[in-house]
PDB file of N, CA and C in Angstrom:
ATOM      1  N   UNK A   1       2.242   4.476  30.931  1.00  0.00           N
ATOM      2  CA  UNK A   1       3.169   3.955  29.949  1.00  0.00           C
ATOM      3  C   UNK A   1       4.493   3.663  30.628  1.00  0.00           C
ATOM      4  N   UNK A   2       4.917   2.458  30.468  1.00  0.00           N
ATOM      5  CA  UNK A   2       6.248   2.074  30.909  1.00  0.00           C
ATOM      6  C   UNK A   2       7.068   1.696  29.681  1.00  0.00           C
ATOM      7  N   UNK A   3       8.259   2.271  29.578  1.00  0.00           N
ATOM      8  CA  UNK A   3       9.084   2.117  28.402  1.00  0.00           C
ATOM      9  C   UNK A   3      10.528   2.011  28.859  1.00  0.00           C
ATOM     10  N   UNK A   4      11.199   0.927  28.477  1.00  0.00           N
ATOM     11  CA  UNK A   4      12.572   0.730  28.880  1.00  0.00           C
ATOM     12  C   UNK A   4      13.367   0.176  27.701  1.00  0.00           C
ATOM     13  N   UNK A   5      14.458   0.847  27.380  1.00  0.00           N
ATOM     14  CA  UNK A   5      15.338   0.405  26.288  1.00  0.00           C
ATOM     15  C   UNK A   5      16.634  -0.066  26.926  1.00  0.00           C
ATOM     16  N   UNK A   6      17.070  -1.277  26.541  1.00  0.00           N
ATOM     17  CA  UNK A   6      18.268  -1.861  27.136  1.00  0.00           C
ATOM     18  C   UNK A   6      19.207  -2.352  26.046  1.00  0.00           C
ATOM     19  N   UNK A   7      20.477  -1.984  26.158  1.00  0.00           N
ATOM     20  CA  UNK A   7      21.482  -2.575  25.292  1.00  0.00           C
ATOM     21  C   UNK A   7      21.848  -3.930  25.889  1.00  0.00           C
ATOM     22  N   UNK A   8      22.021  -4.928  25.049  1.00  0.00           N
ATOM     23  CA  UNK A   8      22.336  -6.273  25.545  1.00  0.00           C
ATOM     24  C   UNK A   8      23.826  -6.516  25.432  1.00  0.00           C
ATOM     25  N   UNK A   9      24.255  -7.669  25.885  1.00  0.00           N
ATOM     26  CA  UNK A   9      25.668  -8.049  25.802  1.00  0.00           C
ATOM     27  C   UNK A   9      26.125  -8.165  24.355  1.00  0.00           C
ATOM     28  N   UNK A  10      25.215  -8.496  23.476  1.00  0.00           N
ATOM     29  CA  UNK A  10      25.513  -8.511  22.038  1.00  0.00           C
ATOM     30  C   UNK A  10      25.235  -7.113  21.533  1.00  0.00           C
ATOM     31  N   UNK A  11      26.269  -6.411  21.108  1.00  0.00           N
ATOM     32  CA  UNK A  11      26.189  -4.974  20.845  1.00  0.00           C
ATOM     33  C   UNK A  11      25.151  -4.495  19.842  1.00  0.00           C
ATOM     34  N   UNK A  12      24.783  -5.337  18.865  1.00  0.00           N
ATOM     35  CA  UNK A  12      23.803  -4.867  17.864  1.00  0.00           C
ATOM     36  C   UNK A  12      22.378  -5.270  18.228  1.00  0.00           C
ATOM     37  N   UNK A  13      22.164  -5.786  19.435  1.00  0.00           N
ATOM     38  CA  UNK A  13      20.814  -6.178  19.899  1.00  0.00           C
ATOM     39  C   UNK A  13      20.308  -5.189  20.923  1.00  0.00           C
ATOM     40  N   UNK A  14      19.096  -4.701  20.698  1.00  0.00           N
ATOM     41  CA  UNK A  14      18.431  -3.775  21.623  1.00  0.00           C
ATOM     42  C   UNK A  14      17.167  -4.468  22.115  1.00  0.00           C
ATOM     43  N   UNK A  15      16.966  -4.454  23.427  1.00  0.00           N
ATOM     44  CA  UNK A  15      15.743  -5.012  24.012  1.00  0.00           C
ATOM     45  C   UNK A  15      14.885  -3.855  24.508  1.00  0.00           C
ATOM     46  N   UNK A  16      13.624  -3.845  24.100  1.00  0.00           N
ATOM     47  CA  UNK A  16      12.670  -2.795  24.477  1.00  0.00           C
ATOM     48  C   UNK A  16      11.531  -3.456  25.227  1.00  0.00           C
ATOM     49  N   UNK A  17      11.259  -2.962  26.437  1.00  0.00           N
ATOM     50  CA  UNK A  17      10.142  -3.442  27.243  1.00  0.00           C
ATOM     51  C   UNK A  17       9.045  -2.385  27.201  1.00  0.00           C
ATOM     52  N   UNK A  18       7.850  -2.778  26.809  1.00  0.00           N
ATOM     53  CA  UNK A  18       6.717  -1.826  26.695  1.00  0.00           C
ATOM     54  C   UNK A  18       5.504  -2.323  27.483  1.00  0.00           C
ATOM     55  N   UNK A  19       4.857  -1.398  28.177  1.00  0.00           N
ATOM     56  CA  UNK A  19       3.546  -1.687  28.769  1.00  0.00           C
ATOM     57  C   UNK A  19       2.720  -0.413  28.735  1.00  0.00           C
ATOM     58  N   UNK A  20       1.436  -0.576  28.785  1.00  0.00           N
ATOM     59  CA  UNK A  20       0.553   0.581  28.684  1.00  0.00           C
ATOM     60  C   UNK A  20       0.419   1.032  27.250  1.00  0.00           C
ATOM     61  N   UNK A  21       0.202   2.347  27.032  1.00  0.00           N
ATOM     62  CA  UNK A  21       0.020   2.900  25.690  1.00  0.00           C
ATOM     63  C   UNK A  21       1.271   3.676  25.328  1.00  0.00           C
ATOM     64  N   UNK A  22       1.845   3.370  24.166  1.00  0.00           N
ATOM     65  CA  UNK A  22       3.074   4.013  23.685  1.00  0.00           C
ATOM     66  C   UNK A  22       2.783   5.461  23.293  1.00  0.00           C
ATOM     67  N   UNK A  23       3.619   6.383  23.775  1.00  0.00           N
ATOM     68  CA  UNK A  23       3.423   7.789  23.491  1.00  0.00           C
ATOM     69  C   UNK A  23       4.556   8.337  22.613  1.00  0.00           C
ATOM     70  N   UNK A  24       4.306   9.498  22.027  1.00  0.00           N
ATOM     71  CA  UNK A  24       5.304  10.164  21.188  1.00  0.00           C
ATOM     72  C   UNK A  24       6.590  10.414  21.990  1.00  0.00           C
ATOM     73  N   UNK A  25       6.466  10.749  23.244  1.00  0.00           N
ATOM     74  CA  UNK A  25       7.633  11.060  24.087  1.00  0.00           C
ATOM     75  C   UNK A  25       8.562   9.854  24.211  1.00  0.00           C
ATOM     76  N   UNK A  26       8.041   8.655  24.196  1.00  0.00           N
ATOM     77  CA  UNK A  26       8.890   7.478  24.297  1.00  0.00           C
ATOM     78  C   UNK A  26       9.854   7.404  23.112  1.00  0.00           C
ATOM     79  N   UNK A  27       9.428   7.897  21.966  1.00  0.00           N
ATOM     80  CA  UNK A  27      10.310   7.865  20.794  1.00  0.00           C
ATOM     81  C   UNK A  27      11.484   8.821  20.923  1.00  0.00           C
ATOM     82  N   UNK A  28      11.364   9.854  21.749  1.00  0.00           N
ATOM     83  CA  UNK A  28      12.476  10.778  21.999  1.00  0.00           C
ATOM     84  C   UNK A  28      13.635  10.073  22.715  1.00  0.00           C
ATOM     85  N   UNK A  29      13.325   8.993  23.422  1.00  0.00           N
ATOM     86  CA  UNK A  29      14.376   8.170  24.047  1.00  0.00           C
ATOM     87  C   UNK A  29      14.817   7.073  23.111  1.00  0.00           C
ATOM     88  N   UNK A  30      13.867   6.400  22.478  1.00  0.00           N
ATOM     89  CA  UNK A  30      14.147   5.231  21.631  1.00  0.00           C
ATOM     90  C   UNK A  30      14.922   5.570  20.373  1.00  0.00           C
ATOM     91  N   UNK A  31      14.489   6.587  19.660  1.00  0.00           N
ATOM     92  CA  UNK A  31      15.088   6.891  18.342  1.00  0.00           C
ATOM     93  C   UNK A  31      16.567   7.255  18.425  1.00  0.00           C
ATOM     94  N   UNK A  32      16.991   8.221  19.280  1.00  0.00           N
ATOM     95  CA  UNK A  32      18.416   8.546  19.333  1.00  0.00           C
ATOM     96  C   UNK A  32      19.287   7.349  19.747  1.00  0.00           C
ATOM     97  N   UNK A  33      18.834   6.578  20.712  1.00  0.00           N
ATOM     98  CA  UNK A  33      19.575   5.393  21.160  1.00  0.00           C
ATOM     99  C   UNK A  33      19.721   4.403  20.016  1.00  0.00           C
ATOM    100  N   UNK A  34      18.631   4.148  19.338  1.00  0.00           N
ATOM    101  CA  UNK A  34      18.617   3.180  18.224  1.00  0.00           C
ATOM    102  C   UNK A  34      19.478   3.669  17.052  1.00  0.00           C
ATOM    103  N   UNK A  35      19.366   4.942  16.713  1.00  0.00           N
ATOM    104  CA  UNK A  35      20.158   5.481  15.605  1.00  0.00           C
ATOM    105  C   UNK A  35      21.647   5.445  15.911  1.00  0.00           C
ATOM    106  N   UNK A  36      22.000   5.619  17.175  1.00  0.00           N
ATOM    107  CA  UNK A  36      23.414   5.499  17.564  1.00  0.00           C
ATOM    108  C   UNK A  36      23.897   4.071  17.355  1.00  0.00           C
ATOM    109  N   UNK A  37      23.080   3.109  17.716  1.00  0.00           N
ATOM    110  CA  UNK A  37      23.447   1.692  17.502  1.00  0.00           C
ATOM    111  C   UNK A  37      23.549   1.355  16.008  1.00  0.00           C
ATOM    112  N   UNK A  38      22.685   1.933  15.199  1.00  0.00           N
ATOM    113  CA  UNK A  38      22.745   1.720  13.751  1.00  0.00           C
ATOM    114  C   UNK A  38      24.048   2.292  13.202  1.00  0.00           C
ATOM    115  N   UNK A  39      24.409   3.468  13.622  1.00  0.00           N
ATOM    116  CA  UNK A  39      25.702   4.080  13.202  1.00  0.00           C
ATOM    117  C   UNK A  39      26.864   3.198  13.603  1.00  0.00           C
ATOM    118  N   UNK A  40      26.787   2.641  14.795  1.00  0.00           N
ATOM    119  CA  UNK A  40      27.884   1.823  15.359  1.00  0.00           C
ATOM    120  C   UNK A  40      27.985   0.448  14.708  1.00  0.00           C
ATOM    121  N   UNK A  41      26.856  -0.184  14.421  1.00  0.00           N
ATOM    122  CA  UNK A  41      26.848  -1.580  13.960  1.00  0.00           C
ATOM    123  C   UNK A  41      26.352  -1.799  12.534  1.00  0.00           C
ATOM    124  N   UNK A  42      25.814  -0.780  11.907  1.00  0.00           N
ATOM    125  CA  UNK A  42      25.241  -0.965  10.587  1.00  0.00           C
ATOM    126  C   UNK A  42      23.800  -1.446  10.711  1.00  0.00           C
ATOM    127  N   UNK A  43      23.611  -2.713  10.903  1.00  0.00           N
ATOM    128  CA  UNK A  43      22.261  -3.286  11.104  1.00  0.00           C
ATOM    129  C   UNK A  43      22.116  -3.681  12.550  1.00  0.00           C
ATOM    130  N   UNK A  44      20.899  -3.533  13.052  1.00  0.00           N
ATOM    131  CA  UNK A  44      20.618  -3.898  14.449  1.00  0.00           C
ATOM    132  C   UNK A  44      19.541  -4.969  14.495  1.00  0.00           C
ATOM    133  N   UNK A  45      19.357  -5.516  15.659  1.00  0.00           N
ATOM    134  CA  UNK A  45      18.277  -6.476  15.956  1.00  0.00           C
ATOM    135  C   UNK A  45      17.484  -5.964  17.142  1.00  0.00           C
ATOM    136  N   UNK A  46      16.190  -6.017  17.050  1.00  0.00           N
ATOM    137  CA  UNK A  46      15.303  -5.534  18.112  1.00  0.00           C
ATOM    138  C   UNK A  46      14.499  -6.672  18.714  1.00  0.00           C
ATOM    139  N   UNK A  47      14.495  -6.711  20.031  1.00  0.00           N
ATOM    140  CA  UNK A  47      13.653  -7.614  20.798  1.00  0.00           C
ATOM    141  C   UNK A  47      12.670  -6.748  21.552  1.00  0.00           C
ATOM    142  N   UNK A  48      11.390  -6.817  21.195  1.00  0.00           N
ATOM    143  CA  UNK A  48      10.355  -5.988  21.802  1.00  0.00           C
ATOM    144  C   UNK A  48       9.485  -6.889  22.683  1.00  0.00           C
ATOM    145  N   UNK A  49       9.477  -6.588  23.980  1.00  0.00           N
ATOM    146  CA  UNK A  49       8.713  -7.373  24.934  1.00  0.00           C
ATOM    147  C   UNK A  49       7.509  -6.544  25.384  1.00  0.00           C
ATOM    148  N   UNK A  50       6.323  -7.043  25.075  1.00  0.00           N
ATOM    149  CA  UNK A  50       5.068  -6.343  25.375  1.00  0.00           C
ATOM    150  C   UNK A  50       4.407  -6.970  26.619  1.00  0.00           C
ATOM    151  N   UNK A  51       4.061  -6.126  27.584  1.00  0.00           N
ATOM    152  CA  UNK A  51       3.359  -6.609  28.774  1.00  0.00           C
ATOM    153  C   UNK A  51       2.206  -5.632  29.044  1.00  0.00           C
ATOM    154  N   UNK A  52       0.975  -6.114  29.031  1.00  0.00           N
ATOM    155  CA  UNK A  52      -0.166  -5.254  29.240  1.00  0.00           C
ATOM    156  C   UNK A  52      -0.134  -4.062  28.315  1.00  0.00           C
ATOM    157  N   UNK A  53       0.166  -4.327  27.031  1.00  0.00           N
ATOM    158  CA  UNK A  53       0.362  -3.286  26.026  1.00  0.00           C
ATOM    159  C   UNK A  53      -0.990  -2.872  25.425  1.00  0.00           C
ATOM    160  N   UNK A  54      -1.194  -1.556  25.268  1.00  0.00           N
ATOM    161  CA  UNK A  54      -2.464  -1.032  24.783  1.00  0.00           C
ATOM    162  C   UNK A  54      -2.305  -0.237  23.478  1.00  0.00           C
ATOM    163  N   UNK A  55      -1.213  -0.453  22.756  1.00  0.00           N
ATOM    164  CA  UNK A  55      -1.054   0.213  21.468  1.00  0.00           C
ATOM    165  C   UNK A  55      -0.390   1.579  21.549  1.00  0.00           C
ATOM    166  N   UNK A  56      -0.636   2.381  20.522  1.00  0.00           N
ATOM    167  CA  UNK A  56       0.012   3.670  20.372  1.00  0.00           C
ATOM    168  C   UNK A  56      -1.024   4.789  20.450  1.00  0.00           C
ATOM    169  N   UNK A  57      -0.605   5.966  20.925  1.00  0.00           N
ATOM    170  CA  UNK A  57      -1.460   7.119  20.742  1.00  0.00           C
ATOM    171  C   UNK A  57      -1.132   7.688  19.348  1.00  0.00           C
ATOM    172  N   UNK A  58      -1.865   8.691  18.876  1.00  0.00           N
ATOM    173  CA  UNK A  58      -1.696   9.199  17.505  1.00  0.00           C
ATOM    174  C   UNK A  58      -0.285   9.710  17.244  1.00  0.00           C
ATOM    175  N   UNK A  59       0.288  10.428  18.198  1.00  0.00           N
ATOM    176  CA  UNK A  59       1.642  10.968  18.039  1.00  0.00           C
ATOM    177  C   UNK A  59       2.686   9.865  17.941  1.00  0.00           C
ATOM    178  N   UNK A  60       2.502   8.829  18.744  1.00  0.00           N
ATOM    179  CA  UNK A  60       3.451   7.705  18.694  1.00  0.00           C
ATOM    180  C   UNK A  60       3.310   6.938  17.383  1.00  0.00           C
ATOM    181  N   UNK A  61       2.101   6.800  16.891  1.00  0.00           N
ATOM    182  CA  UNK A  61       1.895   6.105  15.623  1.00  0.00           C
ATOM    183  C   UNK A  61       2.649   6.828  14.493  1.00  0.00           C
ATOM    184  N   UNK A  62       2.541   8.148  14.470  1.00  0.00           N
ATOM    185  CA  UNK A  62       3.247   8.939  13.451  1.00  0.00           C
ATOM    186  C   UNK A  62       4.764   8.786  13.575  1.00  0.00           C
ATOM    187  N   UNK A  63       5.289   8.821  14.786  1.00  0.00           N
ATOM    188  CA  UNK A  63       6.716   8.650  15.018  1.00  0.00           C
ATOM    189  C   UNK A  63       7.158   7.254  14.571  1.00  0.00           C
ATOM    190  N   UNK A  64       6.320   6.265  14.816  1.00  0.00           N
ATOM    191  CA  UNK A  64       6.649   4.891  14.423  1.00  0.00           C
ATOM    192  C   UNK A  64       6.714   4.761  12.900  1.00  0.00           C
ATOM    193  N   UNK A  65       5.764   5.356  12.213  1.00  0.00           N
ATOM    194  CA  UNK A  65       5.770   5.323  10.748  1.00  0.00           C
ATOM    195  C   UNK A  65       7.025   6.003  10.200  1.00  0.00           C
ATOM    196  N   UNK A  66       7.374   7.163  10.739  1.00  0.00           N
ATOM    197  CA  UNK A  66       8.604   7.874  10.286  1.00  0.00           C
ATOM    198  C   UNK A  66       9.823   7.010  10.530  1.00  0.00           C
ATOM    199  N   UNK A  67       9.920   6.427  11.713  1.00  0.00           N
ATOM    200  CA  UNK A  67      11.066   5.560  12.025  1.00  0.00           C
ATOM    201  C   UNK A  67      11.142   4.404  11.069  1.00  0.00           C
ATOM    202  N   UNK A  68      10.021   3.716  10.845  1.00  0.00           N
ATOM    203  CA  UNK A  68      10.007   2.545   9.964  1.00  0.00           C
ATOM    204  C   UNK A  68      10.438   2.920   8.535  1.00  0.00           C
ATOM    205  N   UNK A  69       9.971   4.026   8.032  1.00  0.00           N
ATOM    206  CA  UNK A  69      10.336   4.434   6.658  1.00  0.00           C
ATOM    207  C   UNK A  69      11.825   4.792   6.586  1.00  0.00           C
ATOM    208  N   UNK A  70      12.315   5.489   7.586  1.00  0.00           N
ATOM    209  CA  UNK A  70      13.722   5.935   7.583  1.00  0.00           C
ATOM    210  C   UNK A  70      14.676   4.745   7.779  1.00  0.00           C
ATOM    211  N   UNK A  71      14.274   3.774   8.571  1.00  0.00           N
ATOM    212  CA  UNK A  71      15.165   2.661   8.895  1.00  0.00           C
ATOM    213  C   UNK A  71      14.672   1.327   8.332  1.00  0.00           C
ATOM    214  N   UNK A  72      14.010   1.393   7.164  1.00  0.00           N
ATOM    215  CA  UNK A  72      13.450   0.237   6.508  1.00  0.00           C
ATOM    216  C   UNK A  72      14.433  -0.924   6.389  1.00  0.00           C
ATOM    217  N   UNK A  73      15.722  -0.636   6.093  1.00  0.00           N
ATOM    218  CA  UNK A  73      16.736  -1.673   5.865  1.00  0.00           C
ATOM    219  C   UNK A  73      17.750  -1.823   7.013  1.00  0.00           C
ATOM    220  N   UNK A  74      17.555  -1.082   8.080  1.00  0.00           N
ATOM    221  CA  UNK A  74      18.569  -1.081   9.166  1.00  0.00           C
ATOM    222  C   UNK A  74      18.319  -2.099  10.239  1.00  0.00           C
ATOM    223  N   UNK A  75      17.154  -2.756  10.224  1.00  0.00           N
ATOM    224  CA  UNK A  75      16.849  -3.735  11.245  1.00  0.00           C
ATOM    225  C   UNK A  75      16.902  -5.115  10.602  1.00  0.00           C
ATOM    226  N   UNK A  76      17.811  -5.941  11.134  1.00  0.00           N
ATOM    227  CA  UNK A  76      18.071  -7.255  10.592  1.00  0.00           C
ATOM    228  C   UNK A  76      17.063  -8.286  11.075  1.00  0.00           C
ATOM    229  N   UNK A  77      16.751  -8.233  12.368  1.00  0.00           N
ATOM    230  CA  UNK A  77      15.767  -9.136  12.982  1.00  0.00           C
ATOM    231  C   UNK A  77      14.927  -8.351  13.957  1.00  0.00           C
ATOM    232  N   UNK A  78      13.650  -8.772  14.032  1.00  0.00           N
ATOM    233  CA  UNK A  78      12.709  -8.175  14.971  1.00  0.00           C
ATOM    234  C   UNK A  78      11.948  -9.308  15.649  1.00  0.00           C
ATOM    235  N   UNK A  79      12.154  -9.447  16.956  1.00  0.00           N
ATOM    236  CA  UNK A  79      11.400 -10.426  17.746  1.00  0.00           C
ATOM    237  C   UNK A  79      10.381  -9.679  18.594  1.00  0.00           C
ATOM    238  N   UNK A  80       9.144 -10.096  18.500  1.00  0.00           N
ATOM    239  CA  UNK A  80       8.069  -9.507  19.334  1.00  0.00           C
ATOM    240  C   UNK A  80       7.601 -10.582  20.295  1.00  0.00           C
ATOM    241  N   UNK A  81       7.650 -10.237  21.579  1.00  0.00           N
ATOM    242  CA  UNK A  81       7.180 -11.161  22.626  1.00  0.00           C
ATOM    243  C   UNK A  81       5.924 -10.533  23.220  1.00  0.00           C
ATOM    244  N   UNK A  82       4.807 -11.287  23.144  1.00  0.00           N
ATOM    245  CA  UNK A  82       3.558 -10.677  23.588  1.00  0.00           C
ATOM    246  C   UNK A  82       2.667 -11.620  24.347  1.00  0.00           C
ATOM    247  N   UNK A  83       1.477 -11.121  24.671  1.00  0.00           N
ATOM    248  CA  UNK A  83       0.532 -11.830  25.509  1.00  0.00           C
ATOM    249  C   UNK A  83      -0.831 -12.019  24.873  1.00  0.00           C
ATOM    250  N   UNK A  84      -1.046 -11.498  23.671  1.00  0.00           N
ATOM    251  CA  UNK A  84      -2.404 -11.539  23.140  1.00  0.00           C
ATOM    252  C   UNK A  84      -2.413 -11.804  21.645  1.00  0.00           C
ATOM    253  N   UNK A  85      -3.581 -12.125  21.155  1.00  0.00           N
ATOM    254  CA  UNK A  85      -3.764 -12.447  19.736  1.00  0.00           C
ATOM    255  C   UNK A  85      -3.411 -11.264  18.845  1.00  0.00           C
ATOM    256  N   UNK A  86      -3.838 -10.017  19.237  1.00  0.00           N
ATOM    257  CA  UNK A  86      -3.580  -8.880  18.372  1.00  0.00           C
ATOM    258  C   UNK A  86      -2.076  -8.534  18.344  1.00  0.00           C
ATOM    259  N   UNK A  87      -1.347  -8.810  19.440  1.00  0.00           N
ATOM    260  CA  UNK A  87       0.093  -8.593  19.434  1.00  0.00           C
ATOM    261  C   UNK A  87       0.768  -9.568  18.473  1.00  0.00           C
ATOM    262  N   UNK A  88       0.266 -10.793  18.385  1.00  0.00           N
ATOM    263  CA  UNK A  88       0.771 -11.738  17.418  1.00  0.00           C
ATOM    264  C   UNK A  88       0.530 -11.226  16.002  1.00  0.00           C
ATOM    265  N   UNK A  89      -0.614 -10.621  15.780  1.00  0.00           N
ATOM    266  CA  UNK A  89      -0.924 -10.012  14.498  1.00  0.00           C
ATOM    267  C   UNK A  89      -0.013  -8.877  14.125  1.00  0.00           C
ATOM    268  N   UNK A  90       0.506  -8.183  15.131  1.00  0.00           N
ATOM    269  CA  UNK A  90       1.471  -7.078  14.873  1.00  0.00           C
ATOM    270  C   UNK A  90       2.692  -7.588  14.136  1.00  0.00           C
ATOM    271  N   UNK A  91       3.139  -8.787  14.407  1.00  0.00           N
ATOM    272  CA  UNK A  91       4.313  -9.342  13.730  1.00  0.00           C
ATOM    273  C   UNK A  91       4.044  -9.433  12.231  1.00  0.00           C
ATOM    274  N   UNK A  92       2.866  -9.856  11.855  1.00  0.00           N
ATOM    275  CA  UNK A  92       2.514  -9.927  10.430  1.00  0.00           C
ATOM    276  C   UNK A  92       2.354  -8.526   9.846  1.00  0.00           C
ATOM    277  N   UNK A  93       1.757  -7.626  10.621  1.00  0.00           N
ATOM    278  CA  UNK A  93       1.522  -6.267  10.181  1.00  0.00           C
ATOM    279  C   UNK A  93       2.834  -5.533   9.901  1.00  0.00           C
ATOM    280  N   UNK A  94       3.889  -5.838  10.682  1.00  0.00           N
ATOM    281  CA  UNK A  94       5.195  -5.149  10.569  1.00  0.00           C
ATOM    282  C   UNK A  94       5.932  -5.507   9.273  1.00  0.00           C
ATOM    283  N   UNK A  95       5.705  -6.682   8.759  1.00  0.00           N
ATOM    284  CA  UNK A  95       6.543  -7.217   7.659  1.00  0.00           C
ATOM    285  C   UNK A  95       6.650  -6.272   6.445  1.00  0.00           C
ATOM    286  N   UNK A  96       5.603  -5.623   5.974  1.00  0.00           N
ATOM    287  CA  UNK A  96       5.773  -4.766   4.810  1.00  0.00           C
ATOM    288  C   UNK A  96       6.601  -3.506   5.081  1.00  0.00           C
ATOM    289  N   UNK A  97       6.807  -3.179   6.339  1.00  0.00           N
ATOM    290  CA  UNK A  97       7.499  -1.936   6.686  1.00  0.00           C
ATOM    291  C   UNK A  97       8.962  -2.135   7.029  1.00  0.00           C
ATOM    292  N   UNK A  98       9.479  -3.325   6.821  1.00  0.00           N
ATOM    293  CA  UNK A  98      10.876  -3.581   7.154  1.00  0.00           C
ATOM    294  C   UNK A  98      11.382  -4.770   6.323  1.00  0.00           C
ATOM    295  N   UNK A  99      12.689  -4.781   6.128  1.00  0.00           N
ATOM    296  CA  UNK A  99      13.327  -5.943   5.499  1.00  0.00           C
ATOM    297  C   UNK A  99      13.742  -6.969   6.544  1.00  0.00           C
ATOM    298  N   UNK A 100      13.469  -6.676   7.813  1.00  0.00           N
ATOM    299  CA  UNK A 100      13.862  -7.543   8.933  1.00  0.00           C
ATOM    300  C   UNK A 100      13.169  -8.886   8.859  1.00  0.00           C
ATOM    301  N   UNK A 101      13.828  -9.908   9.387  1.00  0.00           N
ATOM    302  CA  UNK A 101      13.206 -11.193   9.626  1.00  0.00           C
ATOM    303  C   UNK A 101      12.412 -10.994  10.930  1.00  0.00           C
ATOM    304  N   UNK A 102      11.086 -11.109  10.864  1.00  0.00           N
ATOM    305  CA  UNK A 102      10.192 -10.809  11.967  1.00  0.00           C
ATOM    306  C   UNK A 102       9.623 -12.130  12.514  1.00  0.00           C
ATOM    307  N   UNK A 103       9.667 -12.276  13.843  1.00  0.00           N
ATOM    308  CA  UNK A 103       9.133 -13.487  14.463  1.00  0.00           C
ATOM    309  C   UNK A 103       8.423 -13.134  15.775  1.00  0.00           C
ATOM    310  N   UNK A 104       7.280 -13.777  16.012  1.00  0.00           N
ATOM    311  CA  UNK A 104       6.503 -13.563  17.219  1.00  0.00           C
ATOM    312  C   UNK A 104       6.727 -14.714  18.192  1.00  0.00           C
ATOM    313  N   UNK A 105       6.783 -14.366  19.488  1.00  0.00           N
ATOM    314  CA  UNK A 105       6.928 -15.365  20.557  1.00  0.00           C
ATOM    315  C   UNK A 105       5.900 -15.051  21.635  1.00  0.00           C
ATOM    316  N   UNK A 106       5.366 -16.096  22.269  1.00  0.00           N
ATOM    317  CA  UNK A 106       4.511 -15.910  23.430  1.00  0.00           C
ATOM    318  C   UNK A 106       5.374 -15.514  24.620  1.00  0.00           C
ATOM    319  N   UNK A 107       4.784 -14.894  25.655  1.00  0.00           N
ATOM    320  CA  UNK A 107       5.570 -14.394  26.782  1.00  0.00           C
ATOM    321  C   UNK A 107       6.352 -15.526  27.467  1.00  0.00           C
ATOM    322  N   UNK A 108       5.833 -16.747  27.443  1.00  0.00           N
ATOM    323  CA  UNK A 108       6.541 -17.858  28.035  1.00  0.00           C
ATOM    324  C   UNK A 108       7.805 -18.240  27.250  1.00  0.00           C
ATOM    325  N   UNK A 109       7.955 -17.731  26.051  1.00  0.00           N
ATOM    326  CA  UNK A 109       9.064 -18.052  25.167  1.00  0.00           C
ATOM    327  C   UNK A 109      10.136 -16.935  25.129  1.00  0.00           C
ATOM    328  N   UNK A 110      10.172 -16.116  26.169  1.00  0.00           N
ATOM    329  CA  UNK A 110      11.126 -14.986  26.180  1.00  0.00           C
ATOM    330  C   UNK A 110      12.565 -15.460  26.008  1.00  0.00           C
ATOM    331  N   UNK A 111      12.951 -16.495  26.693  1.00  0.00           N
ATOM    332  CA  UNK A 111      14.337 -16.991  26.557  1.00  0.00           C
ATOM    333  C   UNK A 111      14.616 -17.478  25.127  1.00  0.00           C
ATOM    334  N   UNK A 112      13.623 -18.151  24.532  1.00  0.00           N
ATOM    335  CA  UNK A 112      13.746 -18.592  23.149  1.00  0.00           C
ATOM    336  C   UNK A 112      13.904 -17.377  22.207  1.00  0.00           C
ATOM    337  N   UNK A 113      13.135 -16.336  22.468  1.00  0.00           N
ATOM    338  CA  UNK A 113      13.227 -15.111  21.664  1.00  0.00           C
ATOM    339  C   UNK A 113      14.616 -14.491  21.793  1.00  0.00           C
ATOM    340  N   UNK A 114      15.157 -14.480  22.992  1.00  0.00           N
ATOM    341  CA  UNK A 114      16.505 -13.934  23.195  1.00  0.00           C
ATOM    342  C   UNK A 114      17.558 -14.754  22.476  1.00  0.00           C
ATOM    343  N   UNK A 115      17.374 -16.075  22.446  1.00  0.00           N
ATOM    344  CA  UNK A 115      18.333 -16.933  21.706  1.00  0.00           C
ATOM    345  C   UNK A 115      18.196 -16.669  20.202  1.00  0.00           C
ATOM    346  N   UNK A 116      16.976 -16.585  19.699  1.00  0.00           N
ATOM    347  CA  UNK A 116      16.760 -16.370  18.258  1.00  0.00           C
ATOM    348  C   UNK A 116      17.334 -15.033  17.805  1.00  0.00           C
ATOM    349  N   UNK A 117      17.120 -13.987  18.597  1.00  0.00           N
ATOM    350  CA  UNK A 117      17.540 -12.648  18.188  1.00  0.00           C
ATOM    351  C   UNK A 117      19.061 -12.566  18.063  1.00  0.00           C
ATOM    352  N   UNK A 118      19.779 -13.379  18.817  1.00  0.00           N
ATOM    353  CA  UNK A 118      21.241 -13.318  18.794  1.00  0.00           C
ATOM    354  C   UNK A 118      21.880 -14.392  17.929  1.00  0.00           C
ATOM    355  N   UNK A 119      21.079 -15.372  17.480  1.00  0.00           N
ATOM    356  CA  UNK A 119      21.667 -16.505  16.736  1.00  0.00           C
ATOM    357  C   UNK A 119      22.095 -16.076  15.329  1.00  0.00           C
ATOM    358  N   UNK A 120      22.965 -16.838  14.791  1.00  0.00           N
ATOM    359  CA  UNK A 120      23.507 -16.558  13.463  1.00  0.00           C
ATOM    360  C   UNK A 120      22.863 -17.392  12.342  1.00  0.00           C
ATOM    361  N   UNK A 121      21.873 -18.200  12.678  1.00  0.00           N
ATOM    362  CA  UNK A 121      21.249 -19.020  11.638  1.00  0.00           C
ATOM    363  C   UNK A 121      20.327 -18.267  10.746  1.00  0.00           C
TER     364      UNK A 121
END
């Protein structure tokens, strides 16, 4: 599992790079960082870049559900950049769990995803 959380030049945007299988331990890094940004900015925007991603283990799935329920209204935009058909399906699957504007991008569209996540339109 490779997991990297990066604050961008735009303060309310967080970029998350994921590969492998997401574990519960990754949430111990992601959640405090993200909650600090929510306190600081009110609403945040997430750019999630998936590379060779294999989903969640059971512990990570539970942490994800808790996070989604707790922060249902705190995420303004969610961009998912992926490489496969099921990752594209994740964008649709996420919609009922957030009020965020959710959009999927292919890996070749990473720059477009970065522009969209920061745009004001």
